[in-house]
PDB file of N, CA and C in Angstrom:
ATOM      1  N   UNK A   1     108.799  84.102 122.645  1.00  0.00           N
ATOM      2  CA  UNK A   1     110.172  84.540 122.523  1.00  0.00           C
ATOM      3  C   UNK A   1     110.773  84.635 123.917  1.00  0.00           C
ATOM      4  N   UNK A   2     111.991  84.163 124.069  1.00  0.00           N
ATOM      5  CA  UNK A   2     112.680  84.199 125.348  1.00  0.00           C
ATOM      6  C   UNK A   2     113.564  85.434 125.409  1.00  0.00           C
ATOM      7  N   UNK A   3     113.185  86.413 126.240  1.00  0.00           N
ATOM      8  CA  UNK A   3     113.942  87.661 126.348  1.00  0.00           C
ATOM      9  C   UNK A   3     115.024  87.591 127.420  1.00  0.00           C
ATOM     10  N   UNK A   4     115.203  86.482 128.085  1.00  0.00           N
ATOM     11  CA  UNK A   4     116.140  86.424 129.205  1.00  0.00           C
ATOM     12  C   UNK A   4     117.581  86.587 128.776  1.00  0.00           C
ATOM     13  N   UNK A   5     117.921  86.285 127.532  1.00  0.00           N
ATOM     14  CA  UNK A   5     119.302  86.402 127.084  1.00  0.00           C
ATOM     15  C   UNK A   5     119.538  87.632 126.217  1.00  0.00           C
ATOM     16  N   UNK A   6     118.544  88.437 126.070  1.00  0.00           N
ATOM     17  CA  UNK A   6     118.680  89.652 125.272  1.00  0.00           C
ATOM     18  C   UNK A   6     118.867  90.849 126.191  1.00  0.00           C
ATOM     19  N   UNK A   7     119.516  91.860 125.689  1.00  0.00           N
ATOM     20  CA  UNK A   7     119.742  93.080 126.460  1.00  0.00           C
ATOM     21  C   UNK A   7     118.652  94.082 126.100  1.00  0.00           C
ATOM     22  N   UNK A   8     117.947  94.618 127.096  1.00  0.00           N
ATOM     23  CA  UNK A   8     116.891  95.585 126.784  1.00  0.00           C
ATOM     24  C   UNK A   8     117.469  96.922 126.346  1.00  0.00           C
ATOM     25  N   UNK A   9     116.695  97.655 125.555  1.00  0.00           N
ATOM     26  CA  UNK A   9     117.073  99.015 125.189  1.00  0.00           C
ATOM     27  C   UNK A   9     116.428  99.982 126.189  1.00  0.00           C
ATOM     28  N   UNK A  10     116.500 101.273 125.950  1.00  0.00           N
ATOM     29  CA  UNK A  10     116.011 102.254 126.940  1.00  0.00           C
ATOM     30  C   UNK A  10     114.490 102.273 127.089  1.00  0.00           C
ATOM     31  N   UNK A  11     113.764 101.565 126.244  1.00  0.00           N
ATOM     32  CA  UNK A  11     112.311 101.498 126.388  1.00  0.00           C
ATOM     33  C   UNK A  11     111.894 100.635 127.575  1.00  0.00           C
ATOM     34  N   UNK A  12     112.803  99.849 128.125  1.00  0.00           N
ATOM     35  CA  UNK A  12     112.480  98.964 129.233  1.00  0.00           C
ATOM     36  C   UNK A  12     111.976  99.738 130.456  1.00  0.00           C
ATOM     37  N   UNK A  13     112.297 101.014 130.562  1.00  0.00           N
ATOM     38  CA  UNK A  13     111.876 101.832 131.709  1.00  0.00           C
ATOM     39  C   UNK A  13     110.549 102.549 131.498  1.00  0.00           C
ATOM     40  N   UNK A  14     109.912 102.322 130.354  1.00  0.00           N
ATOM     41  CA  UNK A  14     108.650 102.993 130.047  1.00  0.00           C
ATOM     42  C   UNK A  14     107.457 102.234 130.621  1.00  0.00           C
ATOM     43  N   UNK A  15     106.320 102.918 130.732  1.00  0.00           N
ATOM     44  CA  UNK A  15     105.086 102.315 131.240  1.00  0.00           C
ATOM     45  C   UNK A  15     104.149 101.841 130.131  1.00  0.00           C
ATOM     46  N   UNK A  16     104.296 102.372 128.961  1.00  0.00           N
ATOM     47  CA  UNK A  16     103.416 102.069 127.841  1.00  0.00           C
ATOM     48  C   UNK A  16     103.574 100.617 127.373  1.00  0.00           C
ATOM     49  N   UNK A  17     102.481  99.856 127.293  1.00  0.00           N
ATOM     50  CA  UNK A  17     102.574  98.492 126.757  1.00  0.00           C
ATOM     51  C   UNK A  17     103.132  98.467 125.329  1.00  0.00           C
ATOM     52  N   UNK A  18     102.792  99.453 124.524  1.00  0.00           N
ATOM     53  CA  UNK A  18     103.306  99.530 123.152  1.00  0.00           C
ATOM     54  C   UNK A  18     104.826  99.657 123.157  1.00  0.00           C
ATOM     55  N   UNK A  19     105.354 100.561 123.985  1.00  0.00           N
ATOM     56  CA  UNK A  19     106.804 100.735 124.028  1.00  0.00           C
ATOM     57  C   UNK A  19     107.493  99.514 124.630  1.00  0.00           C
ATOM     58  N   UNK A  20     106.902  98.944 125.659  1.00  0.00           N
ATOM     59  CA  UNK A  20     107.514  97.786 126.313  1.00  0.00           C
ATOM     60  C   UNK A  20     107.627  96.582 125.390  1.00  0.00           C
ATOM     61  N   UNK A  21     106.718  96.438 124.434  1.00  0.00           N
ATOM     62  CA  UNK A  21     106.829  95.291 123.538  1.00  0.00           C
ATOM     63  C   UNK A  21     108.022  95.416 122.597  1.00  0.00           C
ATOM     64  N   UNK A  22     108.636  96.595 122.559  1.00  0.00           N
ATOM     65  CA  UNK A  22     109.818  96.818 121.722  1.00  0.00           C
ATOM     66  C   UNK A  22     111.090  96.975 122.560  1.00  0.00           C
ATOM     67  N   UNK A  23     110.994  96.722 123.845  1.00  0.00           N
ATOM     68  CA  UNK A  23     112.118  96.946 124.764  1.00  0.00           C
ATOM     69  C   UNK A  23     113.287  95.995 124.525  1.00  0.00           C
ATOM     70  N   UNK A  24     113.064  94.891 123.838  1.00  0.00           N
ATOM     71  CA  UNK A  24     114.154  93.950 123.571  1.00  0.00           C
ATOM     72  C   UNK A  24     114.551  93.917 122.102  1.00  0.00           C
ATOM     73  N   UNK A  25     114.049  94.874 121.317  1.00  0.00           N
ATOM     74  CA  UNK A  25     114.489  94.978 119.931  1.00  0.00           C
ATOM     75  C   UNK A  25     115.947  95.431 119.917  1.00  0.00           C
ATOM     76  N   UNK A  26     116.732  94.939 118.979  1.00  0.00           N
ATOM     77  CA  UNK A  26     118.137  95.372 118.910  1.00  0.00           C
ATOM     78  C   UNK A  26     118.270  96.726 118.202  1.00  0.00           C
ATOM     79  N   UNK A  27     117.499  97.686 118.679  1.00  0.00           N
ATOM     80  CA  UNK A  27     117.469  99.036 118.113  1.00  0.00           C
ATOM     81  C   UNK A  27     117.626 100.020 119.261  1.00  0.00           C
ATOM     82  N   UNK A  28     118.337 101.100 119.036  1.00  0.00           N
ATOM     83  CA  UNK A  28     118.544 102.113 120.079  1.00  0.00           C
ATOM     84  C   UNK A  28     117.370 103.086 120.106  1.00  0.00           C
ATOM     85  N   UNK A  29     116.163 102.558 120.397  1.00  0.00           N
ATOM     86  CA  UNK A  29     114.965 103.387 120.450  1.00  0.00           C
ATOM     87  C   UNK A  29     115.057 104.401 121.583  1.00  0.00           C
ATOM     88  N   UNK A  30     114.426 105.540 121.379  1.00  0.00           N
ATOM     89  CA  UNK A  30     114.262 106.549 122.424  1.00  0.00           C
ATOM     90  C   UNK A  30     112.771 106.802 122.597  1.00  0.00           C
ATOM     91  N   UNK A  31     112.299 106.915 123.827  1.00  0.00           N
ATOM     92  CA  UNK A  31     110.926 107.378 124.014  1.00  0.00           C
ATOM     93  C   UNK A  31     110.876 108.867 123.692  1.00  0.00           C
ATOM     94  N   UNK A  32     109.675 109.409 123.550  1.00  0.00           N
ATOM     95  CA  UNK A  32     109.492 110.841 123.289  1.00  0.00           C
ATOM     96  C   UNK A  32     110.126 111.605 124.445  1.00  0.00           C
ATOM     97  N   UNK A  33     111.198 112.315 124.166  1.00  0.00           N
ATOM     98  CA  UNK A  33     111.910 113.011 125.244  1.00  0.00           C
ATOM     99  C   UNK A  33     112.826 114.074 124.665  1.00  0.00           C
ATOM    100  N   UNK A  34     113.223 114.976 125.515  1.00  0.00           N
ATOM    101  CA  UNK A  34     114.178 116.000 125.098  1.00  0.00           C
ATOM    102  C   UNK A  34     115.511 115.351 124.723  1.00  0.00           C
ATOM    103  N   UNK A  35     115.867 114.279 125.402  1.00  0.00           N
ATOM    104  CA  UNK A  35     117.099 113.557 125.079  1.00  0.00           C
ATOM    105  C   UNK A  35     117.099 113.097 123.620  1.00  0.00           C
ATOM    106  N   UNK A  36     115.975 112.570 123.168  1.00  0.00           N
ATOM    107  CA  UNK A  36     115.870 112.099 121.787  1.00  0.00           C
ATOM    108  C   UNK A  36     116.015 113.253 120.794  1.00  0.00           C
ATOM    109  N   UNK A  37     115.350 114.357 121.074  1.00  0.00           N
ATOM    110  CA  UNK A  37     115.416 115.498 120.154  1.00  0.00           C
ATOM    111  C   UNK A  37     116.779 116.170 120.180  1.00  0.00           C
ATOM    112  N   UNK A  38     117.409 116.218 121.329  1.00  0.00           N
ATOM    113  CA  UNK A  38     118.749 116.788 121.425  1.00  0.00           C
ATOM    114  C   UNK A  38     119.740 115.957 120.625  1.00  0.00           C
ATOM    115  N   UNK A  39     119.623 114.637 120.714  1.00  0.00           N
ATOM    116  CA  UNK A  39     120.510 113.753 119.954  1.00  0.00           C
ATOM    117  C   UNK A  39     120.292 113.960 118.452  1.00  0.00           C
ATOM    118  N   UNK A  40     119.058 114.074 118.025  1.00  0.00           N
ATOM    119  CA  UNK A  40     118.768 114.307 116.605  1.00  0.00           C
ATOM    120  C   UNK A  40     119.351 115.634 116.137  1.00  0.00           C
ATOM    121  N   UNK A  41     119.207 116.666 116.955  1.00  0.00           N
ATOM    122  CA  UNK A  41     119.784 117.977 116.590  1.00  0.00           C
ATOM    123  C   UNK A  41     121.306 117.894 116.508  1.00  0.00           C
ATOM    124  N   UNK A  42     121.906 117.279 117.527  1.00  0.00           N
ATOM    125  CA  UNK A  42     123.362 117.190 117.597  1.00  0.00           C
ATOM    126  C   UNK A  42     123.932 116.407 116.406  1.00  0.00           C
ATOM    127  N   UNK A  43     123.234 115.357 115.992  1.00  0.00           N
ATOM    128  CA  UNK A  43     123.711 114.532 114.889  1.00  0.00           C
ATOM    129  C   UNK A  43     123.128 114.933 113.540  1.00  0.00           C
ATOM    130  N   UNK A  44     122.312 115.994 113.560  1.00  0.00           N
ATOM    131  CA  UNK A  44     121.672 116.492 112.342  1.00  0.00           C
ATOM    132  C   UNK A  44     120.932 115.372 111.611  1.00  0.00           C
ATOM    133  N   UNK A  45     120.105 114.635 112.368  1.00  0.00           N
ATOM    134  CA  UNK A  45     119.335 113.515 111.823  1.00  0.00           C
ATOM    135  C   UNK A  45     117.847 113.759 112.039  1.00  0.00           C
ATOM    136  N   UNK A  46     117.022 113.211 111.170  1.00  0.00           N
ATOM    137  CA  UNK A  46     115.582 113.337 111.357  1.00  0.00           C
ATOM    138  C   UNK A  46     115.101 112.443 112.510  1.00  0.00           C
ATOM    139  N   UNK A  47     113.920 112.720 112.990  1.00  0.00           N
ATOM    140  CA  UNK A  47     113.281 111.916 114.030  1.00  0.00           C
ATOM    141  C   UNK A  47     112.252 111.019 113.355  1.00  0.00           C
ATOM    142  N   UNK A  48     112.337 109.723 113.606  1.00  0.00           N
ATOM    143  CA  UNK A  48     111.367 108.769 113.102  1.00  0.00           C
ATOM    144  C   UNK A  48     110.347 108.570 114.210  1.00  0.00           C
ATOM    145  N   UNK A  49     109.118 108.859 113.927  1.00  0.00           N
ATOM    146  CA  UNK A  49     108.059 108.819 114.926  1.00  0.00           C
ATOM    147  C   UNK A  49     107.082 107.695 114.623  1.00  0.00           C
ATOM    148  N   UNK A  50     106.850 106.837 115.618  1.00  0.00           N
ATOM    149  CA  UNK A  50     105.865 105.780 115.477  1.00  0.00           C
ATOM    150  C   UNK A  50     104.719 106.092 116.438  1.00  0.00           C
ATOM    151  N   UNK A  51     103.490 106.034 115.938  1.00  0.00           N
ATOM    152  CA  UNK A  51     102.339 106.325 116.791  1.00  0.00           C
ATOM    153  C   UNK A  51     101.566 105.058 117.139  1.00  0.00           C
ATOM    154  N   UNK A  52     102.176 103.912 116.888  1.00  0.00           N
ATOM    155  CA  UNK A  52     101.545 102.654 117.259  1.00  0.00           C
ATOM    156  C   UNK A  52     100.825 102.013 116.095  1.00  0.00           C
ATOM    157  N   UNK A  53     100.029 101.036 116.435  1.00  0.00           N
ATOM    158  CA  UNK A  53      99.283 100.277 115.432  1.00  0.00           C
ATOM    159  C   UNK A  53      97.805 100.676 115.455  1.00  0.00           C
ATOM    160  N   UNK A  54      97.163 100.469 114.331  1.00  0.00           N
ATOM    161  CA  UNK A  54      95.712 100.710 114.319  1.00  0.00           C
ATOM    162  C   UNK A  54      94.976  99.483 113.860  1.00  0.00           C
TER     163      UNK A  54
END
């Protein structure tokens, strides 16, 4: 896949190989952070948590 024409999401700044493989998904992903939880509280939305693949 050619990522040169896609815009990365906020996962592009992470160190985790798992998170980096999703850095060009067209989804507004958040890494585990207070920012993510604050946004969920403010918007009264649940948090979807992915723990990777097994």
